[in-house]
């Protein structure tokens, strides 16, 4: 299979998000924002991966657009977690 930098980077980001969320849940016992972060942060890669199997250009674009929206939501949640002091070492 041919290497895809975007798929690889979004997968690596998803792994970081999973570890980060589990740490927040374990150390701070916070589950509402961290659960949303888990969903949006891993959805970026899921949609990027799905785009690779698209049967049309329109389907490919739709999946990438969803990944982009999830990335924006993830950025918002990371900022919120940091600014609300939910977790001291927020990335």
Protein backbone atom coordinates (compact mmCIF):
# COMPACT_ATOMS: atom_id res chain seq x y z
CA UNK A 1 0.00 0.00 0.00
CA UNK A 2 1.29 3.45 -0.90
CA UNK A 3 2.24 5.72 2.00
CA UNK A 4 -0.16 8.59 2.65
CA UNK A 5 1.29 11.34 4.83
CA UNK A 6 -2.10 12.81 5.73
CA UNK A 7 -3.53 9.46 6.82
CA UNK A 8 -0.35 8.72 8.79
CA UNK A 9 -0.36 12.11 10.54
CA UNK A 10 -4.06 12.01 11.39
CA UNK A 11 -3.60 8.49 12.79
CA UNK A 12 -0.68 9.64 14.95
CA UNK A 13 -2.80 12.58 16.14
CA UNK A 14 -5.66 10.20 17.03
CA UNK A 15 -3.29 8.09 19.13
CA UNK A 16 -2.12 11.22 20.98
CA UNK A 17 -5.75 12.27 21.59
CA UNK A 18 -6.68 8.83 22.96
CA UNK A 19 -3.76 8.87 25.40
CA UNK A 20 -4.46 12.47 26.41
CA UNK A 21 -8.16 11.83 27.04
CA UNK A 22 -7.48 8.72 29.09
CA UNK A 23 -4.99 10.72 31.17
CA UNK A 24 -7.55 13.49 31.76
CA UNK A 25 -10.17 10.95 32.75
CA UNK A 26 -7.82 9.13 35.08
CA UNK A 27 -6.19 12.13 36.76
CA UNK A 28 -9.03 14.67 36.75
CA UNK A 29 -12.11 12.43 36.57
CA UNK A 30 -13.50 14.67 33.84
CA UNK A 31 -15.68 12.86 31.31
CA UNK A 32 -17.93 15.34 29.48
CA UNK A 33 -15.42 17.48 27.58
CA UNK A 34 -12.88 14.68 27.35
CA UNK A 35 -15.45 12.36 25.73
CA UNK A 36 -16.27 15.03 23.13
CA UNK A 37 -12.55 15.49 22.50
CA UNK A 38 -12.11 11.74 22.05
CA UNK A 39 -14.89 11.62 19.47
CA UNK A 40 -13.82 14.64 17.45
CA UNK A 41 -10.08 13.98 17.69
CA UNK A 42 -10.36 10.41 16.44
CA UNK A 43 -13.00 11.29 13.85
CA UNK A 44 -10.43 13.32 11.91
CA UNK A 45 -8.47 10.17 11.09
CA UNK A 46 -11.57 8.04 10.61
CA UNK A 47 -12.92 10.38 7.94
CA UNK A 48 -9.52 10.80 6.31
CA UNK A 49 -9.18 7.02 6.16
CA UNK A 50 -12.70 6.66 4.74
CA UNK A 51 -11.88 9.24 2.06
CA UNK A 52 -9.25 6.87 0.72
CA UNK A 53 -11.97 4.40 -0.26
CA UNK A 54 -14.27 6.98 -1.84
CA UNK A 55 -15.98 5.88 -5.03
CA UNK A 56 -16.23 9.39 -6.41
CA UNK A 57 -14.48 12.73 -6.20
CA UNK A 58 -17.57 14.18 -4.49
CA UNK A 59 -17.48 11.50 -1.80
CA UNK A 60 -13.76 12.08 -1.27
CA UNK A 61 -14.32 15.83 -0.87
CA UNK A 62 -17.23 15.28 1.52
CA UNK A 63 -15.14 13.05 3.80
CA UNK A 64 -12.23 15.51 3.80
CA UNK A 65 -14.62 18.36 4.62
CA UNK A 66 -15.99 16.39 7.57
CA UNK A 67 -12.42 15.72 8.76
CA UNK A 68 -11.70 19.46 8.52
CA UNK A 69 -14.79 20.33 10.58
CA UNK A 70 -13.84 17.76 13.20
CA UNK A 71 -10.32 19.23 13.31
CA UNK A 72 -11.78 22.68 14.03
CA UNK A 73 -14.00 21.23 16.76
CA UNK A 74 -11.02 19.42 18.26
CA UNK A 75 -8.99 22.63 18.29
CA UNK A 76 -11.88 24.39 20.08
CA UNK A 77 -12.15 21.63 22.70
CA UNK A 78 -8.41 21.65 23.36
CA UNK A 79 -8.52 25.43 23.86
CA UNK A 80 -11.54 25.12 26.14
CA UNK A 81 -9.93 22.38 28.24
CA UNK A 82 -6.79 24.50 28.58
CA UNK A 83 -8.51 27.83 29.29
CA UNK A 84 -10.99 26.33 31.74
CA UNK A 85 -8.10 24.70 33.62
CA UNK A 86 -9.69 21.29 33.22
CA UNK A 87 -6.22 19.85 32.92
CA UNK A 88 -3.05 21.69 33.89
CA UNK A 89 -0.82 20.26 31.17
CA UNK A 90 -3.23 20.71 28.26
CA UNK A 91 -1.48 20.57 24.90
